[in-house]
Amino acid sequence: MATTITNATLTVTITEAVSLNNKSYGNSNTLTIASINEVDQRILTIPTSEVTVVNYGTAVAAGTFVRTAVKYLRITNKDDTNFISLKITSATDYAWVKLEAGKSFELHNGLIETASSFSAWADITAISAIADTAAVDIEYFIALT
């Protein structure tokens, strides 16, 4: 099979802007990631019970992304009130991240370390989520090479 998809460069821009006492503060930082040839974007509802959002693996499958191909992942809490808890799991451990209303979480690789003092990076195997008080909509965007 010959693909008709041409690789492209993903541009991610983060901008902070605030004005205090008539003085502007902030910055804009841009990251470019070359050779992106796959993206997945989805809005889904997270209930108050834990559900898997993304699986990482070594082969493509339903809801599973090849760990080494994932170059950018963003999860945004689209709720205006409630937070969600993101669980980032490796084969042997996990870490929790509180994602408050309207905020985003980014990853740029498939590695995690959960020890009290650094010992070694471990491959992420999954990201799951649970809503705190009521169901919450999230959006995720994943870019892969």
N, C-alpha and C. Protein backbone atom coordinates (compact mmCIF):
# COMPACT_ATOMS: atom_id res chain seq x y z
N MET A 1 0.84 -1.17 0.00
CA MET A 1 0.00 0.00 0.00
C MET A 1 0.89 1.24 0.00
N ALA A 2 0.61 2.15 -0.88
CA ALA A 2 1.33 3.42 -0.93
C ALA A 2 0.45 4.49 -0.30
N THR A 3 0.96 5.15 0.71
CA THR A 3 0.16 6.16 1.40
C THR A 3 0.04 7.44 0.57
N THR A 4 -1.04 8.12 0.77
CA THR A 4 -1.21 9.44 0.15
C THR A 4 -1.07 10.55 1.20
N ILE A 5 -0.72 10.17 2.42
CA ILE A 5 -0.55 11.12 3.51
C ILE A 5 0.89 11.63 3.50
N THR A 6 1.05 12.93 3.55
CA THR A 6 2.37 13.55 3.62
C THR A 6 2.65 13.97 5.05
N ASN A 7 3.81 13.58 5.57
CA ASN A 7 4.19 14.00 6.92
C ASN A 7 4.14 15.52 7.03
N ALA A 8 3.83 16.00 8.23
CA ALA A 8 3.76 17.44 8.46
C ALA A 8 4.40 17.77 9.81
N THR A 9 4.59 19.04 10.04
CA THR A 9 5.14 19.52 11.30
C THR A 9 4.02 20.02 12.18
N LEU A 10 3.97 19.52 13.40
CA LEU A 10 3.02 19.99 14.40
C LEU A 10 3.63 21.20 15.10
N THR A 11 2.83 22.24 15.25
CA THR A 11 3.27 23.43 15.98
C THR A 11 2.40 23.58 17.22
N VAL A 12 3.04 23.62 18.39
CA VAL A 12 2.36 23.80 19.66
C VAL A 12 2.85 25.11 20.24
N THR A 13 1.92 26.03 20.52
CA THR A 13 2.28 27.33 21.08
C THR A 13 1.59 27.53 22.42
N ILE A 14 2.38 27.89 23.42
CA ILE A 14 1.86 28.21 24.75
C ILE A 14 2.12 29.69 24.98
N THR A 15 1.06 30.42 25.31
CA THR A 15 1.18 31.86 25.54
C THR A 15 0.63 32.22 26.90
N GLU A 16 1.43 32.97 27.67
CA GLU A 16 0.97 33.53 28.95
C GLU A 16 0.89 35.04 28.76
N ALA A 17 -0.19 35.63 29.25
CA ALA A 17 -0.35 37.08 29.14
C ALA A 17 -1.16 37.59 30.33
N VAL A 18 -0.58 38.56 31.05
CA VAL A 18 -1.29 39.19 32.16
C VAL A 18 -0.79 40.63 32.26
N SER A 19 -1.69 41.51 32.63
CA SER A 19 -1.32 42.91 32.83
C SER A 19 -1.57 43.28 34.28
N LEU A 20 -0.51 43.72 34.98
CA LEU A 20 -0.61 44.12 36.37
C LEU A 20 -0.05 45.53 36.51
N ASN A 21 -0.84 46.41 37.09
CA ASN A 21 -0.41 47.79 37.30
C ASN A 21 0.06 48.43 36.00
N ASN A 22 -0.72 48.20 34.93
CA ASN A 22 -0.45 48.76 33.59
C ASN A 22 0.85 48.25 32.97
N LYS A 23 1.36 47.12 33.45
CA LYS A 23 2.55 46.52 32.85
C LYS A 23 2.20 45.11 32.40
N SER A 24 2.60 44.77 31.19
CA SER A 24 2.31 43.45 30.63
C SER A 24 3.41 42.47 30.98
N TYR A 25 3.00 41.26 31.34
CA TYR A 25 3.91 40.18 31.65
C TYR A 25 3.50 38.95 30.84
N GLY A 26 4.45 38.09 30.60
CA GLY A 26 4.13 36.85 29.92
C GLY A 26 5.13 36.53 28.84
N ASN A 27 4.83 35.46 28.14
CA ASN A 27 5.73 35.00 27.11
C ASN A 27 4.99 34.06 26.19
N SER A 28 5.61 33.76 25.08
CA SER A 28 5.06 32.79 24.14
C SER A 28 6.19 31.83 23.76
N ASN A 29 5.91 30.55 23.89
CA ASN A 29 6.89 29.52 23.55
C ASN A 29 6.29 28.59 22.52
N THR A 30 7.05 28.30 21.49
CA THR A 30 6.58 27.46 20.40
C THR A 30 7.47 26.23 20.27
N LEU A 31 6.83 25.09 20.16
CA LEU A 31 7.51 23.83 19.94
C LEU A 31 7.07 23.30 18.59
N THR A 32 8.00 22.87 17.77
CA THR A 32 7.65 22.23 16.51
C THR A 32 8.13 20.79 16.55
N ILE A 33 7.28 19.90 16.06
CA ILE A 33 7.58 18.48 16.03
C ILE A 33 7.42 18.01 14.59
N ALA A 34 8.52 17.60 13.98
CA ALA A 34 8.52 17.21 12.57
C ALA A 34 8.02 15.79 12.37
N SER A 35 7.67 15.49 11.15
CA SER A 35 7.35 14.14 10.67
C SER A 35 6.09 13.53 11.29
N ILE A 36 5.14 14.36 11.70
CA ILE A 36 3.87 13.84 12.21
C ILE A 36 3.08 13.29 11.02
N ASN A 37 2.62 12.04 11.17
CA ASN A 37 1.82 11.45 10.09
C ASN A 37 0.53 10.81 10.59
N GLU A 38 0.28 10.90 11.89
CA GLU A 38 -0.98 10.41 12.45
C GLU A 38 -1.41 11.34 13.58
N VAL A 39 -2.72 11.59 13.67
CA VAL A 39 -3.28 12.32 14.80
C VAL A 39 -4.58 11.63 15.21
N ASP A 40 -4.89 11.78 16.47
CA ASP A 40 -6.17 11.30 16.99
C ASP A 40 -6.69 12.38 17.91
N GLN A 41 -7.93 12.77 17.70
CA GLN A 41 -8.54 13.80 18.53
C GLN A 41 -9.93 13.33 18.88
N ARG A 42 -10.29 13.50 20.15
CA ARG A 42 -11.57 12.98 20.60
C ARG A 42 -12.07 13.77 21.80
N ILE A 43 -13.37 13.93 21.88
CA ILE A 43 -14.02 14.44 23.08
C ILE A 43 -14.79 13.28 23.67
N LEU A 44 -14.58 13.03 24.96
CA LEU A 44 -15.31 11.95 25.60
C LEU A 44 -15.71 12.33 27.01
N THR A 45 -16.74 11.68 27.50
CA THR A 45 -17.26 11.95 28.84
C THR A 45 -16.64 10.97 29.82
N ILE A 46 -16.07 11.52 30.90
CA ILE A 46 -15.45 10.72 31.95
C ILE A 46 -16.44 10.62 33.11
N PRO A 47 -16.83 9.40 33.49
CA PRO A 47 -17.77 9.24 34.60
C PRO A 47 -17.04 9.31 35.95
N THR A 48 -17.78 9.10 37.01
CA THR A 48 -17.20 9.10 38.36
C THR A 48 -16.63 7.74 38.74
N SER A 49 -16.43 6.89 37.76
CA SER A 49 -15.70 5.63 37.94
C SER A 49 -14.55 5.63 36.94
N GLU A 50 -13.45 4.99 37.29
CA GLU A 50 -12.25 5.04 36.45
C GLU A 50 -12.46 4.37 35.11
N VAL A 51 -12.06 5.08 34.03
CA VAL A 51 -12.11 4.53 32.68
C VAL A 51 -10.77 4.78 31.99
N THR A 52 -10.39 3.87 31.11
CA THR A 52 -9.15 4.03 30.35
C THR A 52 -9.40 5.01 29.22
N VAL A 53 -8.50 5.98 29.09
CA VAL A 53 -8.59 6.98 28.03
C VAL A 53 -7.67 6.61 26.87
N VAL A 54 -6.44 6.19 27.20
CA VAL A 54 -5.43 5.87 26.19
C VAL A 54 -4.63 4.67 26.66
N ASN A 55 -4.37 3.74 25.76
CA ASN A 55 -3.44 2.64 26.01
C ASN A 55 -2.20 2.85 25.16
N TYR A 56 -1.05 2.54 25.74
CA TYR A 56 0.21 2.54 25.00
C TYR A 56 0.63 1.09 24.79
N GLY A 57 1.21 0.80 23.64
CA GLY A 57 1.67 -0.55 23.36
C GLY A 57 2.77 -0.54 22.33
N THR A 58 3.08 -1.72 21.83
CA THR A 58 4.12 -1.84 20.80
C THR A 58 3.53 -2.06 19.42
N ALA A 59 2.19 -2.20 19.36
CA ALA A 59 1.51 -2.38 18.07
C ALA A 59 0.19 -1.62 18.09
N VAL A 60 -0.23 -1.20 16.93
CA VAL A 60 -1.49 -0.47 16.79
C VAL A 60 -2.65 -1.41 17.07
N ALA A 61 -3.61 -0.93 17.85
CA ALA A 61 -4.84 -1.68 18.13
C ALA A 61 -5.91 -0.65 18.52
N ALA A 62 -7.12 -1.10 18.68
CA ALA A 62 -8.21 -0.18 19.05
C ALA A 62 -7.87 0.52 20.36
N GLY A 63 -7.84 1.85 20.33
CA GLY A 63 -7.56 2.64 21.52
C GLY A 63 -6.13 2.55 22.02
N THR A 64 -5.25 1.93 21.24
CA THR A 64 -3.86 1.73 21.63
C THR A 64 -2.93 2.44 20.65
N PHE A 65 -1.97 3.16 21.21
CA PHE A 65 -1.02 3.90 20.39
C PHE A 65 0.38 3.36 20.64
N VAL A 66 1.18 3.28 19.58
CA VAL A 66 2.55 2.79 19.70
C VAL A 66 3.35 3.81 20.52
N ARG A 67 3.81 3.37 21.67
CA ARG A 67 4.48 4.25 22.65
C ARG A 67 5.58 5.09 22.03
N THR A 68 6.45 4.48 21.24
CA THR A 68 7.59 5.20 20.68
C THR A 68 7.19 6.17 19.58
N ALA A 69 6.00 6.04 19.04
CA ALA A 69 5.54 6.94 17.98
C ALA A 69 4.82 8.17 18.53
N VAL A 70 4.36 8.12 19.78
CA VAL A 70 3.63 9.25 20.37
C VAL A 70 4.64 10.36 20.67
N LYS A 71 4.46 11.50 20.03
CA LYS A 71 5.37 12.64 20.22
C LYS A 71 4.71 13.78 20.99
N TYR A 72 3.39 13.77 21.07
CA TYR A 72 2.68 14.84 21.78
C TYR A 72 1.30 14.32 22.17
N LEU A 73 0.94 14.55 23.43
CA LEU A 73 -0.39 14.18 23.92
C LEU A 73 -0.88 15.31 24.81
N ARG A 74 -2.09 15.78 24.55
CA ARG A 74 -2.71 16.79 25.39
C ARG A 74 -4.09 16.29 25.81
N ILE A 75 -4.38 16.42 27.10
CA ILE A 75 -5.71 16.14 27.63
C ILE A 75 -6.20 17.42 28.27
N THR A 76 -7.38 17.89 27.87
CA THR A 76 -7.96 19.12 28.41
C THR A 76 -9.28 18.81 29.09
N ASN A 77 -9.44 19.30 30.29
CA ASN A 77 -10.69 19.18 31.03
C ASN A 77 -11.62 20.27 30.52
N LYS A 78 -12.69 19.90 29.83
CA LYS A 78 -13.61 20.86 29.21
C LYS A 78 -14.71 21.32 30.17
N ASP A 79 -14.71 20.83 31.39
CA ASP A 79 -15.73 21.22 32.36
C ASP A 79 -15.42 22.62 32.90
N ASP A 80 -16.46 23.33 33.35
CA ASP A 80 -16.23 24.67 33.91
C ASP A 80 -16.23 24.67 35.44
N THR A 81 -16.41 23.49 36.06
CA THR A 81 -16.50 23.42 37.52
C THR A 81 -15.70 22.28 38.12
N ASN A 82 -15.85 21.08 37.60
CA ASN A 82 -15.33 19.87 38.25
C ASN A 82 -13.96 19.45 37.72
N PHE A 83 -13.18 18.82 38.61
CA PHE A 83 -11.88 18.31 38.21
C PHE A 83 -11.98 16.82 37.89
N ILE A 84 -10.93 16.32 37.22
CA ILE A 84 -10.75 14.89 37.03
C ILE A 84 -9.40 14.51 37.58
N SER A 85 -9.24 13.23 37.87
CA SER A 85 -7.95 12.68 38.27
C SER A 85 -7.46 11.81 37.12
N LEU A 86 -6.25 12.11 36.65
CA LEU A 86 -5.62 11.29 35.61
C LEU A 86 -4.68 10.31 36.29
N LYS A 87 -4.76 9.05 35.89
CA LYS A 87 -3.88 8.01 36.41
C LYS A 87 -2.96 7.57 35.28
N ILE A 88 -1.66 7.80 35.46
CA ILE A 88 -0.66 7.44 34.46
C ILE A 88 0.03 6.19 34.97
N THR A 89 -0.13 5.09 34.24
CA THR A 89 0.28 3.78 34.71
C THR A 89 1.47 3.24 33.92
N SER A 90 2.40 2.62 34.64
CA SER A 90 3.47 1.83 34.02
C SER A 90 3.21 0.37 34.37
N ALA A 91 4.09 -0.51 33.97
CA ALA A 91 3.90 -1.94 34.26
C ALA A 91 3.91 -2.23 35.75
N THR A 92 4.61 -1.39 36.52
CA THR A 92 4.77 -1.70 37.94
C THR A 92 4.23 -0.64 38.89
N ASP A 93 3.82 0.52 38.39
CA ASP A 93 3.41 1.58 39.30
C ASP A 93 2.51 2.56 38.57
N TYR A 94 2.10 3.61 39.27
CA TYR A 94 1.26 4.64 38.67
C TYR A 94 1.43 5.95 39.42
N ALA A 95 1.02 7.04 38.76
CA ALA A 95 1.03 8.37 39.37
C ALA A 95 -0.30 9.03 39.05
N TRP A 96 -0.79 9.85 39.98
CA TRP A 96 -2.05 10.57 39.79
C TRP A 96 -1.75 12.05 39.55
N VAL A 97 -2.55 12.67 38.67
CA VAL A 97 -2.46 14.10 38.40
C VAL A 97 -3.87 14.67 38.49
N LYS A 98 -4.03 15.75 39.26
CA LYS A 98 -5.32 16.43 39.36
C LYS A 98 -5.41 17.43 38.22
N LEU A 99 -6.45 17.29 37.39
CA LEU A 99 -6.65 18.19 36.25
C LEU A 99 -7.92 18.99 36.50
N GLU A 100 -7.73 20.22 36.94
CA GLU A 100 -8.86 21.07 37.31
C GLU A 100 -9.61 21.56 36.08
N ALA A 101 -10.81 22.09 36.33
CA ALA A 101 -11.69 22.58 35.27
C ALA A 101 -10.96 23.54 34.35
N GLY A 102 -11.08 23.30 33.03
CA GLY A 102 -10.51 24.19 32.03
C GLY A 102 -9.02 24.05 31.79
N LYS A 103 -8.35 23.19 32.53
CA LYS A 103 -6.89 23.09 32.42
C LYS A 103 -6.47 21.90 31.55
N SER A 104 -5.21 21.95 31.12
CA SER A 104 -4.68 20.93 30.23
C SER A 104 -3.45 20.25 30.82
N PHE A 105 -3.22 19.02 30.37
CA PHE A 105 -2.07 18.22 30.75
C PHE A 105 -1.40 17.77 29.46
N GLU A 106 -0.07 17.88 29.40
CA GLU A 106 0.67 17.49 28.20
C GLU A 106 1.74 16.45 28.53
N LEU A 107 1.97 15.57 27.57
CA LEU A 107 3.10 14.63 27.61
C LEU A 107 3.78 14.69 26.25
N HIS A 108 5.10 14.54 26.27
CA HIS A 108 5.86 14.57 25.02
C HIS A 108 6.64 13.28 24.79
N ASN A 109 6.41 12.29 25.66
CA ASN A 109 7.03 10.97 25.49
C ASN A 109 6.20 9.96 26.27
N GLY A 110 6.61 8.73 26.26
CA GLY A 110 5.86 7.67 26.92
C GLY A 110 6.55 7.12 28.15
N LEU A 111 7.19 8.01 28.94
CA LEU A 111 7.96 7.56 30.09
C LEU A 111 7.45 8.19 31.37
N ILE A 112 7.62 7.46 32.49
CA ILE A 112 7.22 7.95 33.81
C ILE A 112 8.17 7.38 34.85
N GLU A 113 8.32 8.10 35.95
CA GLU A 113 9.07 7.61 37.11
C GLU A 113 8.25 7.96 38.34
N THR A 114 7.99 6.98 39.19
CA THR A 114 7.12 7.20 40.34
C THR A 114 7.80 6.95 41.68
N ALA A 115 9.06 6.66 41.68
CA ALA A 115 9.77 6.38 42.94
C ALA A 115 9.96 7.66 43.74
N SER A 116 10.17 7.53 45.04
CA SER A 116 10.39 8.70 45.90
C SER A 116 11.72 9.39 45.58
N SER A 117 12.68 8.64 45.09
CA SER A 117 13.90 9.24 44.54
C SER A 117 14.14 8.57 43.19
N PHE A 118 14.62 9.34 42.24
CA PHE A 118 14.73 8.83 40.87
C PHE A 118 15.58 7.57 40.81
N SER A 119 15.06 6.55 40.09
CA SER A 119 15.85 5.35 39.87
C SER A 119 15.94 5.03 38.39
N ALA A 120 14.81 5.00 37.67
CA ALA A 120 14.84 4.70 36.23
C ALA A 120 13.50 5.04 35.61
N TRP A 121 13.52 5.41 34.36
CA TRP A 121 12.29 5.67 33.63
C TRP A 121 11.59 4.36 33.30
N ALA A 122 10.27 4.38 33.33
CA ALA A 122 9.47 3.21 32.96
C ALA A 122 8.51 3.61 31.85
N ASP A 123 8.17 2.66 31.00
CA ASP A 123 7.24 2.90 29.91
C ASP A 123 5.82 3.08 30.45
N ILE A 124 5.14 4.12 29.98
CA ILE A 124 3.73 4.28 30.31
C ILE A 124 2.95 3.21 29.56
N THR A 125 2.01 2.57 30.23
CA THR A 125 1.17 1.56 29.59
C THR A 125 -0.25 2.04 29.35
N ALA A 126 -0.72 3.01 30.16
CA ALA A 126 -2.09 3.50 29.99
C ALA A 126 -2.27 4.82 30.72
N ILE A 127 -3.28 5.56 30.29
CA ILE A 127 -3.75 6.73 31.00
C ILE A 127 -5.24 6.54 31.20
N SER A 128 -5.67 6.63 32.44
CA SER A 128 -7.09 6.52 32.74
C SER A 128 -7.52 7.77 33.48
N ALA A 129 -8.83 7.92 33.65
CA ALA A 129 -9.36 9.13 34.29
C ALA A 129 -10.60 8.78 35.09
N ILE A 130 -10.86 9.62 36.09
CA ILE A 130 -12.06 9.50 36.91
C ILE A 130 -12.51 10.91 37.27
N ALA A 131 -13.80 11.18 37.10
CA ALA A 131 -14.35 12.48 37.46
C ALA A 131 -14.61 12.51 38.96
N ASP A 132 -14.46 13.67 39.57
CA ASP A 132 -14.60 13.80 41.01
C ASP A 132 -16.06 13.80 41.47
N THR A 133 -16.85 14.74 41.00
CA THR A 133 -18.20 14.95 41.54
C THR A 133 -19.30 14.54 40.57
N ALA A 134 -19.10 14.87 39.32
CA ALA A 134 -20.07 14.57 38.27
C ALA A 134 -19.29 14.30 36.99
N ALA A 135 -19.95 13.70 36.01
CA ALA A 135 -19.30 13.40 34.74
C ALA A 135 -18.70 14.66 34.14
N VAL A 136 -17.54 14.51 33.51
CA VAL A 136 -16.78 15.62 32.95
C VAL A 136 -16.39 15.28 31.52
N ASP A 137 -16.54 16.24 30.61
CA ASP A 137 -16.05 16.06 29.25
C ASP A 137 -14.58 16.43 29.19
N ILE A 138 -13.81 15.60 28.49
CA ILE A 138 -12.41 15.92 28.21
C ILE A 138 -12.21 15.89 26.71
N GLU A 139 -11.13 16.52 26.29
CA GLU A 139 -10.70 16.43 24.90
C GLU A 139 -9.27 15.96 24.92
N TYR A 140 -8.95 15.00 24.05
CA TYR A 140 -7.54 14.66 23.92
C TYR A 140 -7.10 14.84 22.47
N PHE A 141 -5.83 15.16 22.32
CA PHE A 141 -5.20 15.30 21.02
C PHE A 141 -3.88 14.57 21.11
N ILE A 142 -3.64 13.64 20.19
CA ILE A 142 -2.42 12.86 20.17
C ILE A 142 -1.81 12.94 18.79
N ALA A 143 -0.51 13.27 18.73
CA ALA A 143 0.20 13.32 17.46
C ALA A 143 1.31 12.29 17.48
N LEU A 144 1.45 11.56 16.35
CA LEU A 144 2.40 10.46 16.27
C LEU A 144 3.22 10.55 14.99
N THR A 145 4.40 9.96 15.03
CA THR A 145 5.22 9.85 13.82
C THR A 145 5.11 8.45 13.27
